[in-house]
């Protein structure tokens, strides 16, 4: 699933921390959940194309997606949906990865005072598979498909492609931008992904502005 794959990409195995700040990680993960819900046919845009709504309430087997769709109490714009779904999404996805034996979550303290978490990869093969598949597309070695295109689009939305993959930042960013605008998905999904990407970017910008004004 996209949220799990994205979380794996965001984990820095050198220090067991995330490669991006908490808000960026949560916004990107919320975007991944939204894309999965759109792919599953559970949510879609209203006829006017402005808000996402539930169109199929059939329960989902994936606990992350099922918990998330329960937060759709009314139609909402993509940015609002990202903001609604990002709460606790990092912990929920990490717990799912831990249950699958891919990650071990450990408690730690920042500056000896503030509680935080470390993410220790316990299934190296899984990480290698995800990084290879997405990395080959990010580097331009092969074209994007729905999975890799979505993941790179989400990484690009939080300006993290160069933090995940080695290479020239400018080139990676340009390639990611081109991939984000590519034709690797059907029209309905493509439209949803574009809107979700914009929602992730807007939510991340708003969170950064709030953090800056609060500091």
C-alpha atoms as a PDB file:
ATOM      1  CA  UNK A   1       0.000   0.000   0.000  1.00  0.00           C
ATOM      2  CA  UNK A   2       1.169   3.538  -0.737  1.00  0.00           C
ATOM      3  CA  UNK A   3       1.241   4.805   2.879  1.00  0.00           C
ATOM      4  CA  UNK A   4       3.509   1.946   3.983  1.00  0.00           C
ATOM      5  CA  UNK A   5       5.796   2.308   0.966  1.00  0.00           C
ATOM      6  CA  UNK A   6       6.031   6.063   1.511  1.00  0.00           C
ATOM      7  CA  UNK A   7       6.870   5.629   5.194  1.00  0.00           C
ATOM      8  CA  UNK A   8       9.637   3.189   4.304  1.00  0.00           C
ATOM      9  CA  UNK A   9      11.097   5.713   1.861  1.00  0.00           C
ATOM     10  CA  UNK A  10      11.009   8.456   4.470  1.00  0.00           C
ATOM     11  CA  UNK A  11      12.951   6.482   7.086  1.00  0.00           C
ATOM     12  CA  UNK A  12      16.656   7.291   7.223  1.00  0.00           C
ATOM     13  CA  UNK A  13      18.355   4.019   8.137  1.00  0.00           C
ATOM     14  CA  UNK A  14      21.507   5.817   9.251  1.00  0.00           C
ATOM     15  CA  UNK A  15      19.787   7.347  12.275  1.00  0.00           C
ATOM     16  CA  UNK A  16      16.341   5.651  12.318  1.00  0.00           C
ATOM     17  CA  UNK A  17      14.641   9.044  11.997  1.00  0.00           C
ATOM     18  CA  UNK A  18      12.482  10.474   9.247  1.00  0.00           C
ATOM     19  CA  UNK A  19      14.127  12.391   6.419  1.00  0.00           C
ATOM     20  CA  UNK A  20      11.570  15.212   6.659  1.00  0.00           C
ATOM     21  CA  UNK A  21       9.910  17.151   9.464  1.00  0.00           C
ATOM     22  CA  UNK A  22       6.844  15.719  11.154  1.00  0.00           C
ATOM     23  CA  UNK A  23       4.298  17.937   9.396  1.00  0.00           C
ATOM     24  CA  UNK A  24       5.674  17.135   5.952  1.00  0.00           C
ATOM     25  CA  UNK A  25       5.664  13.403   6.712  1.00  0.00           C
ATOM     26  CA  UNK A  26       2.106  13.484   8.004  1.00  0.00           C
ATOM     27  CA  UNK A  27       0.822  15.535   5.073  1.00  0.00           C
ATOM     28  CA  UNK A  28       2.486  13.235   2.544  1.00  0.00           C
ATOM     29  CA  UNK A  29       1.185  10.120   4.313  1.00  0.00           C
ATOM     30  CA  UNK A  30      -2.318  11.597   4.418  1.00  0.00           C
ATOM     31  CA  UNK A  31      -2.010  12.216   0.689  1.00  0.00           C
ATOM     32  CA  UNK A  32      -1.004   8.595   0.166  1.00  0.00           C
ATOM     33  CA  UNK A  33      -4.098   7.459   2.069  1.00  0.00           C
ATOM     34  CA  UNK A  34      -6.290   9.698  -0.085  1.00  0.00           C
ATOM     35  CA  UNK A  35      -4.795   8.308  -3.288  1.00  0.00           C
ATOM     36  CA  UNK A  36      -5.434   4.756  -2.087  1.00  0.00           C
ATOM     37  CA  UNK A  37      -9.028   5.643  -1.227  1.00  0.00           C
ATOM     38  CA  UNK A  38      -9.468   7.170  -4.687  1.00  0.00           C
ATOM     39  CA  UNK A  39      -7.872   4.127  -6.339  1.00  0.00           C
ATOM     40  CA  UNK A  40     -10.202   1.842  -4.391  1.00  0.00           C
ATOM     41  CA  UNK A  41     -13.234   3.738  -5.646  1.00  0.00           C
ATOM     42  CA  UNK A  42     -14.293   4.692  -2.118  1.00  0.00           C
ATOM     43  CA  UNK A  43     -13.937   8.442  -2.636  1.00  0.00           C
ATOM     44  CA  UNK A  44     -14.329  10.657  -5.685  1.00  0.00           C
ATOM     45  CA  UNK A  45     -14.990  14.256  -6.570  1.00  0.00           C
ATOM     46  CA  UNK A  46     -18.436  15.757  -6.421  1.00  0.00           C
ATOM     47  CA  UNK A  47     -19.953  16.566  -9.855  1.00  0.00           C
ATOM     48  CA  UNK A  48     -18.702  20.161  -9.566  1.00  0.00           C
ATOM     49  CA  UNK A  49     -15.167  18.853  -9.084  1.00  0.00           C
ATOM     50  CA  UNK A  50     -14.417  20.877  -5.950  1.00  0.00           C
ATOM     51  CA  UNK A  51     -14.732  18.448  -3.047  1.00  0.00           C
ATOM     52  CA  UNK A  52     -13.966  14.809  -2.369  1.00  0.00           C
ATOM     53  CA  UNK A  53     -16.763  12.674  -1.006  1.00  0.00           C
ATOM     54  CA  UNK A  54     -17.458   9.049  -0.125  1.00  0.00           C
ATOM     55  CA  UNK A  55     -19.103   7.257  -3.039  1.00  0.00           C
ATOM     56  CA  UNK A  56     -18.748   3.696  -1.765  1.00  0.00           C
ATOM     57  CA  UNK A  57     -18.981   2.996   1.999  1.00  0.00           C
ATOM     58  CA  UNK A  58     -18.078  -0.681   1.655  1.00  0.00           C
ATOM     59  CA  UNK A  59     -15.636  -1.572   4.486  1.00  0.00           C
ATOM     60  CA  UNK A  60     -11.975  -1.881   3.536  1.00  0.00           C
ATOM     61  CA  UNK A  61      -9.741  -4.693   4.735  1.00  0.00           C
ATOM     62  CA  UNK A  62      -6.774  -2.413   5.256  1.00  0.00           C
ATOM     63  CA  UNK A  63      -7.059  -0.932   8.786  1.00  0.00           C
ATOM     64  CA  UNK A  64      -5.273   2.307   7.866  1.00  0.00           C
ATOM     65  CA  UNK A  65      -7.678   3.020   5.016  1.00  0.00           C
ATOM     66  CA  UNK A  66     -10.729   1.953   6.990  1.00  0.00           C
ATOM     67  CA  UNK A  67      -9.823   4.175   9.927  1.00  0.00           C
ATOM     68  CA  UNK A  68      -9.160   7.063   7.564  1.00  0.00           C
ATOM     69  CA  UNK A  69     -12.389   6.847   5.609  1.00  0.00           C
ATOM     70  CA  UNK A  70     -14.230   7.120   8.908  1.00  0.00           C
ATOM     71  CA  UNK A  71     -12.970  10.724   9.087  1.00  0.00           C
ATOM     72  CA  UNK A  72     -14.911  11.658   5.944  1.00  0.00           C
ATOM     73  CA  UNK A  73     -18.041  12.845   7.718  1.00  0.00           C
ATOM     74  CA  UNK A  74     -18.825  15.245   4.870  1.00  0.00           C
ATOM     75  CA  UNK A  75     -17.469  16.275   1.457  1.00  0.00           C
ATOM     76  CA  UNK A  76     -14.263  18.295   1.757  1.00  0.00           C
ATOM     77  CA  UNK A  77     -11.656  19.992  -0.398  1.00  0.00           C
ATOM     78  CA  UNK A  78      -8.372  18.083  -0.873  1.00  0.00           C
ATOM     79  CA  UNK A  79      -6.413  20.357   1.474  1.00  0.00           C
ATOM     80  CA  UNK A  80      -9.018  19.942   4.200  1.00  0.00           C
ATOM     81  CA  UNK A  81      -9.020  16.181   3.631  1.00  0.00           C
ATOM     82  CA  UNK A  82      -5.226  16.083   4.046  1.00  0.00           C
ATOM     83  CA  UNK A  83      -5.473  18.122   7.231  1.00  0.00           C
ATOM     84  CA  UNK A  84      -8.204  15.851   8.569  1.00  0.00           C
ATOM     85  CA  UNK A  85      -6.399  12.614   7.746  1.00  0.00           C
ATOM     86  CA  UNK A  86      -2.921  13.601   8.875  1.00  0.00           C
ATOM     87  CA  UNK A  87      -3.739  13.378  12.596  1.00  0.00           C
ATOM     88  CA  UNK A  88      -1.960  10.303  14.010  1.00  0.00           C
ATOM     89  CA  UNK A  89      -1.416   8.935  10.491  1.00  0.00           C
ATOM     90  CA  UNK A  90       2.316   8.501  11.083  1.00  0.00           C
ATOM     91  CA  UNK A  91       1.713   6.386  14.187  1.00  0.00           C
ATOM     92  CA  UNK A  92      -1.031   4.384  12.470  1.00  0.00           C
ATOM     93  CA  UNK A  93       1.134   3.568   9.435  1.00  0.00           C
ATOM     94  CA  UNK A  94       4.177   2.827  11.608  1.00  0.00           C
ATOM     95  CA  UNK A  95       2.101   0.439  13.726  1.00  0.00           C
ATOM     96  CA  UNK A  96       0.986  -1.361  10.582  1.00  0.00           C
ATOM     97  CA  UNK A  97       4.579  -1.692   9.393  1.00  0.00           C
ATOM     98  CA  UNK A  98       5.555  -2.992  12.816  1.00  0.00           C
ATOM     99  CA  UNK A  99       2.768  -5.563  12.719  1.00  0.00           C
ATOM    100  CA  UNK A 100       4.078  -6.715   9.337  1.00  0.00           C
ATOM    101  CA  UNK A 101       7.593  -7.140  10.729  1.00  0.00           C
ATOM    102  CA  UNK A 102       9.044  -4.384   8.548  1.00  0.00           C
ATOM    103  CA  UNK A 103       9.775  -1.737  11.179  1.00  0.00           C
ATOM    104  CA  UNK A 104      10.377  -1.681  14.915  1.00  0.00           C
ATOM    105  CA  UNK A 105       9.172   1.481  16.621  1.00  0.00           C
ATOM    106  CA  UNK A 106      11.218   2.647  19.610  1.00  0.00           C
ATOM    107  CA  UNK A 107      10.668   5.543  22.014  1.00  0.00           C
ATOM    108  CA  UNK A 108      13.415   8.133  22.476  1.00  0.00           C
ATOM    109  CA  UNK A 109      13.898  11.609  23.896  1.00  0.00           C
ATOM    110  CA  UNK A 110      14.972  14.749  22.053  1.00  0.00           C
ATOM    111  CA  UNK A 111      17.417  16.806  24.145  1.00  0.00           C
ATOM    112  CA  UNK A 112      16.670  14.347  26.909  1.00  0.00           C
ATOM    113  CA  UNK A 113      13.251  15.925  27.409  1.00  0.00           C
ATOM    114  CA  UNK A 114      10.841  15.698  24.505  1.00  0.00           C
ATOM    115  CA  UNK A 115       9.310  12.324  23.557  1.00  0.00           C
ATOM    116  CA  UNK A 116       9.929  11.117  20.002  1.00  0.00           C
ATOM    117  CA  UNK A 117      10.154   7.861  18.095  1.00  0.00           C
ATOM    118  CA  UNK A 118      12.775   5.965  16.144  1.00  0.00           C
ATOM    119  CA  UNK A 119      11.941   3.642  13.263  1.00  0.00           C
ATOM    120  CA  UNK A 120      14.303   0.698  12.953  1.00  0.00           C
ATOM    121  CA  UNK A 121      14.033  -1.227   9.691  1.00  0.00           C
ATOM    122  CA  UNK A 122      13.771  -4.957  10.421  1.00  0.00           C
ATOM    123  CA  UNK A 123      13.015  -6.170   6.889  1.00  0.00           C
ATOM    124  CA  UNK A 124      15.860  -4.979   4.689  1.00  0.00           C
ATOM    125  CA  UNK A 125      14.515  -6.769   1.610  1.00  0.00           C
ATOM    126  CA  UNK A 126      11.309  -4.719   1.711  1.00  0.00           C
ATOM    127  CA  UNK A 127      13.255  -1.472   1.854  1.00  0.00           C
ATOM    128  CA  UNK A 128      15.500  -2.513  -1.023  1.00  0.00           C
ATOM    129  CA  UNK A 129      12.503  -3.441  -3.187  1.00  0.00           C
ATOM    130  CA  UNK A 130      10.701  -0.140  -2.601  1.00  0.00           C
ATOM    131  CA  UNK A 131      13.785   2.043  -2.970  1.00  0.00           C
ATOM    132  CA  UNK A 132      14.868   0.255  -6.149  1.00  0.00           C
ATOM    133  CA  UNK A 133      11.443   0.497  -7.800  1.00  0.00           C
ATOM    134  CA  UNK A 134      10.939   4.171  -7.002  1.00  0.00           C
ATOM    135  CA  UNK A 135      14.595   5.137  -7.303  1.00  0.00           C
ATOM    136  CA  UNK A 136      14.876   3.845 -10.876  1.00  0.00           C
ATOM    137  CA  UNK A 137      11.978   6.093 -11.867  1.00  0.00           C
ATOM    138  CA  UNK A 138      13.316   9.073  -9.910  1.00  0.00           C
ATOM    139  CA  UNK A 139      16.664   8.662 -11.680  1.00  0.00           C
ATOM    140  CA  UNK A 140      15.014   8.437 -15.092  1.00  0.00           C
ATOM    141  CA  UNK A 141      15.981   4.825 -15.794  1.00  0.00           C
ATOM    142  CA  UNK A 142      12.396   3.811 -16.482  1.00  0.00           C
ATOM    143  CA  UNK A 143       8.943   5.340 -16.724  1.00  0.00           C
ATOM    144  CA  UNK A 144       6.503   5.739 -13.874  1.00  0.00           C
ATOM    145  CA  UNK A 145       3.526   3.527 -13.209  1.00  0.00           C
ATOM    146  CA  UNK A 146       0.602   4.279 -10.884  1.00  0.00           C
ATOM    147  CA  UNK A 147       2.503   3.203  -7.773  1.00  0.00           C
ATOM    148  CA  UNK A 148       5.883   4.812  -8.424  1.00  0.00           C
ATOM    149  CA  UNK A 149       4.310   7.894  -9.986  1.00  0.00           C
ATOM    150  CA  UNK A 150       2.125   8.443  -6.935  1.00  0.00           C
ATOM    151  CA  UNK A 151       5.033   8.020  -4.518  1.00  0.00           C
ATOM    152  CA  UNK A 152       7.287  10.443  -6.392  1.00  0.00           C
ATOM    153  CA  UNK A 153       4.417  12.925  -6.684  1.00  0.00           C
ATOM    154  CA  UNK A 154       3.933  12.829  -2.915  1.00  0.00           C
ATOM    155  CA  UNK A 155       7.658  13.176  -2.218  1.00  0.00           C
ATOM    156  CA  UNK A 156       7.787  16.109  -4.614  1.00  0.00           C
ATOM    157  CA  UNK A 157       4.817  17.725  -2.855  1.00  0.00           C
ATOM    158  CA  UNK A 158       6.850  17.967   0.362  1.00  0.00           C
ATOM    159  CA  UNK A 159      10.155  18.728  -1.433  1.00  0.00           C
ATOM    160  CA  UNK A 160      11.743  15.474  -0.322  1.00  0.00           C
ATOM    161  CA  UNK A 161      12.843  13.626  -3.463  1.00  0.00           C
ATOM    162  CA  UNK A 162      16.465  14.754  -3.074  1.00  0.00           C
ATOM    163  CA  UNK A 163      16.353  13.798   0.615  1.00  0.00           C
ATOM    164  CA  UNK A 164      15.348  10.239  -0.211  1.00  0.00           C
ATOM    165  CA  UNK A 165      17.492   9.567  -3.281  1.00  0.00           C
ATOM    166  CA  UNK A 166      21.086  10.446  -4.093  1.00  0.00           C
ATOM    167  CA  UNK A 167      21.777  12.725  -7.011  1.00  0.00           C
ATOM    168  CA  UNK A 168      21.790  16.345  -8.082  1.00  0.00           C
ATOM    169  CA  UNK A 169      19.003  18.154  -6.236  1.00  0.00           C
ATOM    170  CA  UNK A 170      18.057  20.329  -9.192  1.00  0.00           C
ATOM    171  CA  UNK A 171      17.880  17.410 -11.619  1.00  0.00           C
ATOM    172  CA  UNK A 172      15.944  15.190  -9.212  1.00  0.00           C
ATOM    173  CA  UNK A 173      13.466  17.954  -8.497  1.00  0.00           C
ATOM    174  CA  UNK A 174      12.932  18.731 -12.184  1.00  0.00           C
ATOM    175  CA  UNK A 175      12.441  15.056 -13.004  1.00  0.00           C
ATOM    176  CA  UNK A 176      10.024  14.651 -10.100  1.00  0.00           C
ATOM    177  CA  UNK A 177       8.049  17.664 -11.299  1.00  0.00           C
ATOM    178  CA  UNK A 178       7.815  16.160 -14.788  1.00  0.00           C
ATOM    179  CA  UNK A 179       6.766  12.787 -13.374  1.00  0.00           C
ATOM    180  CA  UNK A 180       4.101  14.474 -11.252  1.00  0.00           C
ATOM    181  CA  UNK A 181       2.602  15.940 -14.409  1.00  0.00           C
ATOM    182  CA  UNK A 182       2.944  12.711 -16.420  1.00  0.00           C
ATOM    183  CA  UNK A 183       0.337  10.403 -17.933  1.00  0.00           C
ATOM    184  CA  UNK A 184       0.945   7.321 -15.782  1.00  0.00           C
ATOM    185  CA  UNK A 185      -2.622   7.078 -14.467  1.00  0.00           C
ATOM    186  CA  UNK A 186      -6.142   7.122 -15.869  1.00  0.00           C
ATOM    187  CA  UNK A 187      -7.967  10.437 -16.167  1.00  0.00           C
ATOM    188  CA  UNK A 188     -10.051  10.100 -12.996  1.00  0.00           C
ATOM    189  CA  UNK A 189      -7.134   9.001 -10.828  1.00  0.00           C
ATOM    190  CA  UNK A 190      -4.799  11.525 -12.466  1.00  0.00           C
ATOM    191  CA  UNK A 191      -7.191  14.332 -11.603  1.00  0.00           C
ATOM    192  CA  UNK A 192      -7.501  13.111  -8.042  1.00  0.00           C
ATOM    193  CA  UNK A 193      -3.725  12.787  -7.643  1.00  0.00           C
ATOM    194  CA  UNK A 194      -3.160  16.315  -8.961  1.00  0.00           C
ATOM    195  CA  UNK A 195      -5.710  17.717  -6.519  1.00  0.00           C
ATOM    196  CA  UNK A 196      -4.295  15.704  -3.623  1.00  0.00           C
ATOM    197  CA  UNK A 197      -0.761  16.842  -4.501  1.00  0.00           C
ATOM    198  CA  UNK A 198      -1.955  20.456  -4.418  1.00  0.00           C
ATOM    199  CA  UNK A 199      -3.676  19.755  -1.114  1.00  0.00           C
ATOM    200  CA  UNK A 200      -0.510  18.282   0.394  1.00  0.00           C
ATOM    201  CA  UNK A 201       1.546  21.265  -0.782  1.00  0.00           C
ATOM    202  CA  UNK A 202      -0.992  23.736   0.613  1.00  0.00           C
ATOM    203  CA  UNK A 203      -1.267  21.933   3.940  1.00  0.00           C
ATOM    204  CA  UNK A 204       2.518  21.757   4.254  1.00  0.00           C
ATOM    205  CA  UNK A 205       2.909  25.450   3.449  1.00  0.00           C
ATOM    206  CA  UNK A 206       0.188  26.352   5.963  1.00  0.00           C
ATOM    207  CA  UNK A 207       1.808  24.202   8.656  1.00  0.00           C
ATOM    208  CA  UNK A 208       5.215  25.776   8.015  1.00  0.00           C
ATOM    209  CA  UNK A 209       3.735  29.281   8.181  1.00  0.00           C
ATOM    210  CA  UNK A 210       1.956  28.489  11.444  1.00  0.00           C
ATOM    211  CA  UNK A 211       5.152  27.057  12.923  1.00  0.00           C
ATOM    212  CA  UNK A 212       7.127  30.114  11.857  1.00  0.00           C
ATOM    213  CA  UNK A 213       4.617  32.601  13.274  1.00  0.00           C
ATOM    214  CA  UNK A 214       4.406  30.625  16.481  1.00  0.00           C
ATOM    215  CA  UNK A 215       8.185  30.633  16.927  1.00  0.00           C
END
